[in-house]
Amino acid sequence: RQQDTVAVHPGADDNASGVGMILELVQKLAATPNSH
């Protein structure tokens, strides 16, 4: 959305937030008996 800018687009929300949440959810599912 900044067409004239050449710089790192970190993507902390899009989509490191989603990947990080997935890792936390899977860890909890794996550690919780009878969860799935």
Full PDB file with SEQRES, HELIX, SHEET, SSBOND, CRYST1, ORIGX, SCALE, CONECT and MASTER records, all heavy atoms in Angstrom:
SEQRES   1 A   36  ARG GLN GLN ASP THR VAL ALA VAL HIS PRO GLY ALA ASP          
SEQRES   2 A   36  ASP ASN ALA SER GLY VAL GLY MET ILE LEU GLU LEU VAL          
SEQRES   3 A   36  GLN LYS LEU ALA ALA THR PRO ASN SER HIS                      
HELIX    1 AA1 ALA A   12  SER A   17  3                                   6    
HELIX    2 AA2 GLY A   18  ALA A   31  1                                  14    
CRYST1    1.000    1.000    1.000  90.00  90.00  90.00 P 1           1          
ORIGX1      1.000000  0.000000  0.000000        0.00000                         
ORIGX2      0.000000  1.000000  0.000000        0.00000                         
ORIGX3      0.000000  0.000000  1.000000        0.00000                         
SCALE1      1.000000  0.000000  0.000000        0.00000                         
SCALE2      0.000000  1.000000  0.000000        0.00000                         
SCALE3      0.000000  0.000000  1.000000        0.00000                         
ATOM      1  N   ARG A   1       0.825  -1.206   0.000  1.00  0.00           N  
ATOM      2  CA  ARG A   1       0.000   0.000   0.000  1.00  0.00           C  
ATOM      3  C   ARG A   1       0.861   1.259   0.000  1.00  0.00           C  
ATOM      4  O   ARG A   1       0.339   2.370  -0.077  1.00  0.00           O  
ATOM      5  CB  ARG A   1      -0.935  -0.006   1.207  1.00  0.00           C  
ATOM      6  CG  ARG A   1      -1.959  -1.154   1.156  1.00  0.00           C  
ATOM      7  CD  ARG A   1      -2.897  -1.150   2.353  1.00  0.00           C  
ATOM      8  NE  ARG A   1      -3.645   0.083   2.437  1.00  0.00           N  
ATOM      9  CZ  ARG A   1      -3.532   0.982   3.419  1.00  0.00           C  
ATOM     10  NH1 ARG A   1      -2.668   0.793   4.399  1.00  0.00           N  
ATOM     11  NH2 ARG A   1      -4.263   2.066   3.420  1.00  0.00           N  
ATOM     12  N   GLN A   2       2.180   1.091   0.083  1.00  0.00           N  
ATOM     13  CA  GLN A   2       3.116   2.207  -0.078  1.00  0.00           C  
ATOM     14  C   GLN A   2       3.948   1.910  -1.316  1.00  0.00           C  
ATOM     15  O   GLN A   2       5.068   1.406  -1.243  1.00  0.00           O  
ATOM     16  CB  GLN A   2       3.977   2.380   1.168  1.00  0.00           C  
ATOM     17  CG  GLN A   2       3.196   2.826   2.386  1.00  0.00           C  
ATOM     18  CD  GLN A   2       4.066   3.141   3.594  1.00  0.00           C  
ATOM     19  OE1 GLN A   2       5.283   3.038   3.545  1.00  0.00           O  
ATOM     20  NE2 GLN A   2       3.433   3.533   4.685  1.00  0.00           N  
ATOM     21  N   GLN A   3       3.380   2.234  -2.459  1.00  0.00           N  
ATOM     22  CA  GLN A   3       3.917   1.802  -3.739  1.00  0.00           C  
ATOM     23  C   GLN A   3       5.324   2.312  -4.014  1.00  0.00           C  
ATOM     24  O   GLN A   3       6.090   1.661  -4.710  1.00  0.00           O  
ATOM     25  CB  GLN A   3       2.972   2.255  -4.851  1.00  0.00           C  
ATOM     26  CG  GLN A   3       1.667   1.479  -4.907  1.00  0.00           C  
ATOM     27  CD  GLN A   3       1.851   0.103  -5.497  1.00  0.00           C  
ATOM     28  OE1 GLN A   3       2.266  -0.051  -6.634  1.00  0.00           O  
ATOM     29  NE2 GLN A   3       1.557  -0.914  -4.709  1.00  0.00           N  
ATOM     30  N   ASP A   4       5.678   3.460  -3.498  1.00  0.00           N  
ATOM     31  CA  ASP A   4       6.975   4.048  -3.814  1.00  0.00           C  
ATOM     32  C   ASP A   4       8.004   3.797  -2.722  1.00  0.00           C  
ATOM     33  O   ASP A   4       9.031   4.463  -2.664  1.00  0.00           O  
ATOM     34  CB  ASP A   4       6.820   5.563  -4.041  1.00  0.00           C  
ATOM     35  CG  ASP A   4       5.871   5.848  -5.197  1.00  0.00           C  
ATOM     36  OD1 ASP A   4       6.022   5.196  -6.241  1.00  0.00           O  
ATOM     37  OD2 ASP A   4       4.987   6.701  -5.045  1.00  0.00           O  
ATOM     38  N   THR A   5       7.729   2.827  -1.852  1.00  0.00           N  
ATOM     39  CA  THR A   5       8.640   2.516  -0.758  1.00  0.00           C  
ATOM     40  C   THR A   5       9.237   1.138  -0.955  1.00  0.00           C  
ATOM     41  O   THR A   5       8.512   0.167  -1.179  1.00  0.00           O  
ATOM     42  CB  THR A   5       7.896   2.547   0.597  1.00  0.00           C  
ATOM     43  OG1 THR A   5       7.362   3.859   0.789  1.00  0.00           O  
ATOM     44  CG2 THR A   5       8.835   2.210   1.740  1.00  0.00           C  
ATOM     45  N   VAL A   6      10.556   1.073  -0.911  1.00  0.00           N  
ATOM     46  CA  VAL A   6      11.251  -0.211  -0.943  1.00  0.00           C  
ATOM     47  C   VAL A   6      11.809  -0.445   0.450  1.00  0.00           C  
ATOM     48  O   VAL A   6      12.790   0.168   0.853  1.00  0.00           O  
ATOM     49  CB  VAL A   6      12.368  -0.222  -1.999  1.00  0.00           C  
ATOM     50  CG1 VAL A   6      13.092  -1.575  -1.985  1.00  0.00           C  
ATOM     51  CG2 VAL A   6      11.814   0.073  -3.382  1.00  0.00           C  
ATOM     52  N   ALA A   7      11.146  -1.304   1.204  1.00  0.00           N  
ATOM     53  CA  ALA A   7      11.538  -1.552   2.592  1.00  0.00           C  
ATOM     54  C   ALA A   7      10.930  -2.872   3.043  1.00  0.00           C  
ATOM     55  O   ALA A   7       9.961  -3.357   2.450  1.00  0.00           O  
ATOM     56  CB  ALA A   7      11.056  -0.414   3.509  1.00  0.00           C  
ATOM     57  N   VAL A   8      11.507  -3.436   4.077  1.00  0.00           N  
ATOM     58  CA  VAL A   8      10.986  -4.688   4.615  1.00  0.00           C  
ATOM     59  C   VAL A   8       9.551  -4.485   5.076  1.00  0.00           C  
ATOM     60  O   VAL A   8       9.232  -3.541   5.797  1.00  0.00           O  
ATOM     61  CB  VAL A   8      11.852  -5.169   5.799  1.00  0.00           C  
ATOM     62  CG1 VAL A   8      11.196  -6.373   6.480  1.00  0.00           C  
ATOM     63  CG2 VAL A   8      13.243  -5.544   5.311  1.00  0.00           C  
ATOM     64  N   HIS A   9       8.671  -5.373   4.639  1.00  0.00           N  
ATOM     65  CA  HIS A   9       7.285  -5.417   5.115  1.00  0.00           C  
ATOM     66  C   HIS A   9       7.210  -6.588   6.100  1.00  0.00           C  
ATOM     67  O   HIS A   9       7.057  -7.739   5.691  1.00  0.00           O  
ATOM     68  CB  HIS A   9       6.324  -5.622   3.950  1.00  0.00           C  
ATOM     69  CG  HIS A   9       6.154  -4.412   3.077  1.00  0.00           C  
ATOM     70  ND1 HIS A   9       7.218  -3.748   2.498  1.00  0.00           N  
ATOM     71  CD2 HIS A   9       5.037  -3.745   2.675  1.00  0.00           C  
ATOM     72  CE1 HIS A   9       6.755  -2.737   1.783  1.00  0.00           C  
ATOM     73  NE2 HIS A   9       5.445  -2.706   1.876  1.00  0.00           N  
ATOM     74  N   PRO A  10       7.328  -6.314   7.397  1.00  0.00           N  
ATOM     75  CA  PRO A  10       7.485  -7.409   8.374  1.00  0.00           C  
ATOM     76  C   PRO A  10       6.305  -8.373   8.423  1.00  0.00           C  
ATOM     77  O   PRO A  10       6.492  -9.574   8.641  1.00  0.00           O  
ATOM     78  CB  PRO A  10       7.636  -6.671   9.711  1.00  0.00           C  
ATOM     79  CG  PRO A  10       8.071  -5.292   9.344  1.00  0.00           C  
ATOM     80  CD  PRO A  10       7.411  -4.992   8.032  1.00  0.00           C  
ATOM     81  N   GLY A  11       5.073  -7.875   8.240  1.00  0.00           N  
ATOM     82  CA  GLY A  11       3.916  -8.770   8.258  1.00  0.00           C  
ATOM     83  C   GLY A  11       3.656  -9.378   9.621  1.00  0.00           C  
ATOM     84  O   GLY A  11       3.246 -10.538   9.727  1.00  0.00           O  
ATOM     85  N   ALA A  12       3.855  -8.602  10.687  1.00  0.00           N  
ATOM     86  CA  ALA A  12       3.646  -9.131  12.040  1.00  0.00           C  
ATOM     87  C   ALA A  12       2.208  -9.589  12.242  1.00  0.00           C  
ATOM     88  O   ALA A  12       1.961 -10.653  12.816  1.00  0.00           O  
ATOM     89  CB  ALA A  12       4.028  -8.069  13.071  1.00  0.00           C  
ATOM     90  N   ASP A  13       1.275  -8.792  11.764  1.00  0.00           N  
ATOM     91  CA  ASP A  13      -0.131  -9.200  11.850  1.00  0.00           C  
ATOM     92  C   ASP A  13      -0.498 -10.080  10.668  1.00  0.00           C  
ATOM     93  O   ASP A  13      -1.237 -11.059  10.812  1.00  0.00           O  
ATOM     94  CB  ASP A  13      -1.027  -7.959  11.916  1.00  0.00           C  
ATOM     95  CG  ASP A  13      -2.492  -8.321  12.158  1.00  0.00           C  
ATOM     96  OD1 ASP A  13      -2.753  -9.357  12.802  1.00  0.00           O  
ATOM     97  OD2 ASP A  13      -3.376  -7.575  11.699  1.00  0.00           O  
ATOM     98  N   ASP A  14       0.014  -9.743   9.496  1.00  0.00           N  
ATOM     99  CA  ASP A  14      -0.330 -10.453   8.259  1.00  0.00           C  
ATOM    100  C   ASP A  14       0.885 -11.217   7.713  1.00  0.00           C  
ATOM    101  O   ASP A  14       1.620 -10.688   6.895  1.00  0.00           O  
ATOM    102  CB  ASP A  14      -0.820  -9.431   7.229  1.00  0.00           C  
ATOM    103  CG  ASP A  14      -1.282 -10.066   5.943  1.00  0.00           C  
ATOM    104  OD1 ASP A  14      -1.559 -11.272   5.939  1.00  0.00           O  
ATOM    105  OD2 ASP A  14      -1.367  -9.335   4.932  1.00  0.00           O  
ATOM    106  N   ASN A  15       1.145 -12.447   8.132  1.00  0.00           N  
ATOM    107  CA  ASN A  15       0.272 -13.225   8.980  1.00  0.00           C  
ATOM    108  C   ASN A  15       1.090 -13.983  10.024  1.00  0.00           C  
ATOM    109  O   ASN A  15       0.823 -15.146  10.321  1.00  0.00           O  
ATOM    110  CB  ASN A  15      -0.566 -14.193   8.137  1.00  0.00           C  
ATOM    111  CG  ASN A  15      -1.587 -14.955   8.927  1.00  0.00           C  
ATOM    112  OD1 ASN A  15      -2.186 -14.423   9.853  1.00  0.00           O  
ATOM    113  ND2 ASN A  15      -1.758 -16.212   8.618  1.00  0.00           N  
ATOM    114  N   ALA A  16       2.124 -13.342  10.583  1.00  0.00           N  
ATOM    115  CA  ALA A  16       2.859 -13.985  11.677  1.00  0.00           C  
ATOM    116  C   ALA A  16       1.934 -14.235  12.860  1.00  0.00           C  
ATOM    117  O   ALA A  16       2.097 -15.218  13.588  1.00  0.00           O  
ATOM    118  CB  ALA A  16       4.042 -13.119  12.097  1.00  0.00           C  
ATOM    119  N   SER A  17       0.948 -13.357  13.047  1.00  0.00           N  
ATOM    120  CA  SER A  17       0.013 -13.542  14.159  1.00  0.00           C  
ATOM    121  C   SER A  17      -0.775 -14.842  13.985  1.00  0.00           C  
ATOM    122  O   SER A  17      -0.969 -15.604  14.944  1.00  0.00           O  
ATOM    123  CB  SER A  17      -0.946 -12.351  14.246  1.00  0.00           C  
ATOM    124  OG  SER A  17      -1.777 -12.264  13.087  1.00  0.00           O  
ATOM    125  N   GLY A  18      -1.220 -15.121  12.754  1.00  0.00           N  
ATOM    126  CA  GLY A  18      -1.972 -16.344  12.509  1.00  0.00           C  
ATOM    127  C   GLY A  18      -1.131 -17.595  12.687  1.00  0.00           C  
ATOM    128  O   GLY A  18      -1.568 -18.578  13.301  1.00  0.00           O  
ATOM    129  N   VAL A  19       0.102 -17.575  12.161  1.00  0.00           N  
ATOM    130  CA  VAL A  19       0.986 -18.736  12.290  1.00  0.00           C  
ATOM    131  C   VAL A  19       1.363 -18.969  13.751  1.00  0.00           C  
ATOM    132  O   VAL A  19       1.378 -20.108  14.234  1.00  0.00           O  
ATOM    133  CB  VAL A  19       2.243 -18.547  11.420  1.00  0.00           C  
ATOM    134  CG1 VAL A  19       3.226 -19.695  11.634  1.00  0.00           C  
ATOM    135  CG2 VAL A  19       1.865 -18.452   9.946  1.00  0.00           C  
ATOM    136  N   GLY A  20       1.657 -17.885  14.472  1.00  0.00           N  
ATOM    137  CA  GLY A  20       1.981 -18.027  15.889  1.00  0.00           C  
ATOM    138  C   GLY A  20       0.828 -18.622  16.680  1.00  0.00           C  
ATOM    139  O   GLY A  20       1.030 -19.487  17.544  1.00  0.00           O  
ATOM    140  N   MET A  21      -0.389 -18.186  16.383  1.00  0.00           N  
ATOM    141  CA  MET A  21      -1.553 -18.716  17.087  1.00  0.00           C  
ATOM    142  C   MET A  21      -1.770 -20.186  16.746  1.00  0.00           C  
ATOM    143  O   MET A  21      -2.136 -20.990  17.620  1.00  0.00           O  
ATOM    144  CB  MET A  21      -2.797 -17.894  16.753  1.00  0.00           C  
ATOM    145  CG  MET A  21      -4.008 -18.254  17.602  1.00  0.00           C  
ATOM    146  SD  MET A  21      -5.447 -17.180  17.291  1.00  0.00           S  
ATOM    147  CE  MET A  21      -4.846 -15.616  17.936  1.00  0.00           C  
ATOM    148  N   ILE A  22      -1.544 -20.560  15.503  1.00  0.00           N  
ATOM    149  CA  ILE A  22      -1.673 -21.966  15.116  1.00  0.00           C  
ATOM    150  C   ILE A  22      -0.728 -22.838  15.942  1.00  0.00           C  
ATOM    151  O   ILE A  22      -1.113 -23.901  16.452  1.00  0.00           O  
ATOM    152  CB  ILE A  22      -1.386 -22.124  13.610  1.00  0.00           C  
ATOM    153  CG1 ILE A  22      -2.550 -21.578  12.790  1.00  0.00           C  
ATOM    154  CG2 ILE A  22      -1.133 -23.599  13.252  1.00  0.00           C  
ATOM    155  CD1 ILE A  22      -2.263 -21.487  11.307  1.00  0.00           C  
ATOM    156  N   LEU A  23       0.511 -22.410  16.091  1.00  0.00           N  
ATOM    157  CA  LEU A  23       1.491 -23.190  16.855  1.00  0.00           C  
ATOM    158  C   LEU A  23       1.057 -23.349  18.308  1.00  0.00           C  
ATOM    159  O   LEU A  23       1.191 -24.433  18.906  1.00  0.00           O  
ATOM    160  CB  LEU A  23       2.863 -22.526  16.775  1.00  0.00           C  
ATOM    161  CG  LEU A  23       3.508 -22.491  15.379  1.00  0.00           C  
ATOM    162  CD1 LEU A  23       4.804 -21.685  15.414  1.00  0.00           C  
ATOM    163  CD2 LEU A  23       3.765 -23.897  14.869  1.00  0.00           C  
ATOM    164  N   GLU A  24       0.526 -22.294  18.897  1.00  0.00           N  
ATOM    165  CA  GLU A  24       0.056 -22.370  20.286  1.00  0.00           C  
ATOM    166  C   GLU A  24      -1.139 -23.308  20.409  1.00  0.00           C  
ATOM    167  O   GLU A  24      -1.233 -24.099  21.361  1.00  0.00           O  
ATOM    168  CB  GLU A  24      -0.322 -20.965  20.779  1.00  0.00           C  
ATOM    169  CG  GLU A  24       0.860 -20.027  20.972  1.00  0.00           C  
ATOM    170  CD  GLU A  24       1.744 -20.448  22.133  1.00  0.00           C  
ATOM    171  OE1 GLU A  24       1.215 -20.995  23.139  1.00  0.00           O  
ATOM    172  OE2 GLU A  24       2.967 -20.262  22.038  1.00  0.00           O  
ATOM    173  N   LEU A  25      -2.060 -23.222  19.459  1.00  0.00           N  
ATOM    174  CA  LEU A  25      -3.248 -24.075  19.512  1.00  0.00           C  
ATOM    175  C   LEU A  25      -2.891 -25.551  19.372  1.00  0.00           C  
ATOM    176  O   LEU A  25      -3.416 -26.408  20.086  1.00  0.00           O  
ATOM    177  CB  LEU A  25      -4.225 -23.665  18.409  1.00  0.00           C  
ATOM    178  CG  LEU A  25      -4.936 -22.318  18.599  1.00  0.00           C  
ATOM    179  CD1 LEU A  25      -5.643 -21.904  17.315  1.00  0.00           C  
ATOM    180  CD2 LEU A  25      -5.934 -22.393  19.747  1.00  0.00           C  
ATOM    181  N   VAL A  26      -1.995 -25.850  18.446  1.00  0.00           N  
ATOM    182  CA  VAL A  26      -1.609 -27.248  18.243  1.00  0.00           C  
ATOM    183  C   VAL A  26      -0.888 -27.796  19.467  1.00  0.00           C  
ATOM    184  O   VAL A  26      -1.088 -28.945  19.872  1.00  0.00           O  
ATOM    185  CB  VAL A  26      -0.733 -27.384  16.980  1.00  0.00           C  
ATOM    186  CG1 VAL A  26      -0.211 -28.808  16.841  1.00  0.00           C  
ATOM    187  CG2 VAL A  26      -1.527 -27.007  15.747  1.00  0.00           C  
ATOM    188  N   GLN A  27      -0.051 -26.979  20.065  1.00  0.00           N  
ATOM    189  CA  GLN A  27       0.641 -27.408  21.284  1.00  0.00           C  
ATOM    190  C   GLN A  27      -0.360 -27.752  22.388  1.00  0.00           C  
ATOM    191  O   GLN A  27      -0.229 -28.783  23.070  1.00  0.00           O  
ATOM    192  CB  GLN A  27       1.595 -26.314  21.759  1.00  0.00           C  
ATOM    193  CG  GLN A  27       2.414 -26.702  22.986  1.00  0.00           C  
ATOM    194  CD  GLN A  27       3.328 -25.578  23.436  1.00  0.00           C  
ATOM    195  OE1 GLN A  27       2.928 -24.413  23.458  1.00  0.00           O  
ATOM    196  NE2 GLN A  27       4.554 -25.916  23.785  1.00  0.00           N  
ATOM    197  N   LYS A  28      -1.390 -26.915  22.520  1.00  0.00           N  
ATOM    198  CA  LYS A  28      -2.396 -27.173  23.555  1.00  0.00           C  
ATOM    199  C   LYS A  28      -3.228 -28.400  23.222  1.00  0.00           C  
ATOM    200  O   LYS A  28      -3.532 -29.223  24.109  1.00  0.00           O  
ATOM    201  CB  LYS A  28      -3.302 -25.948  23.719  1.00  0.00           C  
ATOM    202  CG  LYS A  28      -4.309 -26.098  24.859  1.00  0.00           C  
ATOM    203  CD  LYS A  28      -5.087 -24.813  25.086  1.00  0.00           C  
ATOM    204  CE  LYS A  28      -6.068 -24.984  26.255  1.00  0.00           C  
ATOM    205  NZ  LYS A  28      -6.835 -23.740  26.517  1.00  0.00           N  
ATOM    206  N   LEU A  29      -3.597 -28.570  21.957  1.00  0.00           N  
ATOM    207  CA  LEU A  29      -4.360 -29.743  21.551  1.00  0.00           C  
ATOM    208  C   LEU A  29      -3.574 -31.026  21.797  1.00  0.00           C  
ATOM    209  O   LEU A  29      -4.117 -32.039  22.255  1.00  0.00           O  
ATOM    210  CB  LEU A  29      -4.741 -29.635  20.072  1.00  0.00           C  
ATOM    211  CG  LEU A  29      -5.821 -28.610  19.716  1.00  0.00           C  
ATOM    212  CD1 LEU A  29      -5.808 -28.312  18.219  1.00  0.00           C  
ATOM    213  CD2 LEU A  29      -7.200 -29.091  20.153  1.00  0.00           C  
ATOM    214  N   ALA A  30      -2.272 -30.983  21.500  1.00  0.00           N  
ATOM    215  CA  ALA A  30      -1.433 -32.167  21.693  1.00  0.00           C  
ATOM    216  C   ALA A  30      -1.274 -32.510  23.168  1.00  0.00           C  
ATOM    217  O   ALA A  30      -1.126 -33.683  23.532  1.00  0.00           O  
ATOM    218  CB  ALA A  30      -0.070 -31.936  21.045  1.00  0.00           C  
ATOM    219  N   ALA A  31      -1.312 -31.497  24.026  1.00  0.00           N  
ATOM    220  CA  ALA A  31      -1.067 -31.714  25.453  1.00  0.00           C  
ATOM    221  C   ALA A  31      -2.338 -31.961  26.254  1.00  0.00           C  
ATOM    222  O   ALA A  31      -2.262 -32.258  27.452  1.00  0.00           O  
ATOM    223  CB  ALA A  31      -0.328 -30.497  26.031  1.00  0.00           C  
ATOM    224  N   THR A  32      -3.499 -31.844  25.609  1.00  0.00           N  
ATOM    225  CA  THR A  32      -4.766 -31.972  26.323  1.00  0.00           C  
ATOM    226  C   THR A  32      -5.479 -33.255  25.941  1.00  0.00           C  
ATOM    227  O   THR A  32      -5.944 -33.389  24.809  1.00  0.00           O  
ATOM    228  CB  THR A  32      -5.684 -30.772  26.022  1.00  0.00           C  
ATOM    229  OG1 THR A  32      -4.984 -29.549  26.304  1.00  0.00           O  
ATOM    230  CG2 THR A  32      -6.950 -30.838  26.868  1.00  0.00           C  
ATOM    231  N   PRO A  33      -5.574 -34.224  26.833  1.00  0.00           N  
ATOM    232  CA  PRO A  33      -6.267 -35.480  26.521  1.00  0.00           C  
ATOM    233  C   PRO A  33      -7.741 -35.231  26.192  1.00  0.00           C  
ATOM    234  O   PRO A  33      -8.377 -34.327  26.745  1.00  0.00           O  
ATOM    235  CB  PRO A  33      -6.107 -36.299  27.811  1.00  0.00           C  
ATOM    236  CG  PRO A  33      -4.938 -35.695  28.518  1.00  0.00           C  
ATOM    237  CD  PRO A  33      -4.972 -34.233  28.180  1.00  0.00           C  
ATOM    238  N   ASN A  34      -8.264 -36.042  25.293  1.00  0.00           N  
ATOM    239  CA  ASN A  34      -9.674 -36.003  24.906  1.00  0.00           C  
ATOM    240  C   ASN A  34     -10.085 -34.670  24.271  1.00  0.00           C  
ATOM    241  O   ASN A  34     -11.250 -34.284  24.340  1.00  0.00           O  
ATOM    242  CB  ASN A  34     -10.575 -36.299  26.110  1.00  0.00           C  
ATOM    243  CG  ASN A  34     -10.249 -37.635  26.756  1.00  0.00           C  
ATOM    244  OD1 ASN A  34     -10.038 -38.627  26.065  1.00  0.00           O  
ATOM    245  ND2 ASN A  34     -10.170 -37.647  28.087  1.00  0.00           N  
ATOM    246  N   SER A  35      -9.134 -33.962  23.678  1.00  0.00           N  
ATOM    247  CA  SER A  35      -9.449 -32.665  23.070  1.00  0.00           C  
ATOM    248  C   SER A  35      -9.869 -32.787  21.610  1.00  0.00           C  
ATOM    249  O   SER A  35     -10.499 -31.877  21.070  1.00  0.00           O  
ATOM    250  CB  SER A  35      -8.250 -31.722  23.164  1.00  0.00           C  
ATOM    251  OG  SER A  35      -7.139 -32.248  22.453  1.00  0.00           O  
ATOM    252  N   HIS A  36      -9.542 -33.919  20.966  1.00  0.00           N  
ATOM    253  CA  HIS A  36      -9.829 -34.001  19.525  1.00  0.00           C  
ATOM    254  C   HIS A  36      -9.996 -35.454  19.087  1.00  0.00           C  
ATOM    255  O   HIS A  36      -9.023 -36.183  18.917  1.00  0.00           O  
ATOM    256  CB  HIS A  36      -8.711 -33.343  18.721  1.00  0.00           C  
ATOM    257  CG  HIS A  36      -7.348 -33.901  18.979  1.00  0.00           C  
ATOM    258  ND1 HIS A  36      -6.660 -33.701  20.156  1.00  0.00           N  
ATOM    259  CD2 HIS A  36      -6.556 -34.691  18.215  1.00  0.00           C  
ATOM    260  CE1 HIS A  36      -5.505 -34.337  20.095  1.00  0.00           C  
ATOM    261  NE2 HIS A  36      -5.407 -34.940  18.942  1.00  0.00           N  
TER     262      HIS A  36                                                      
MASTER        0    0    0    2    0    0    0    6  261    1    0    3          
END                                                                             
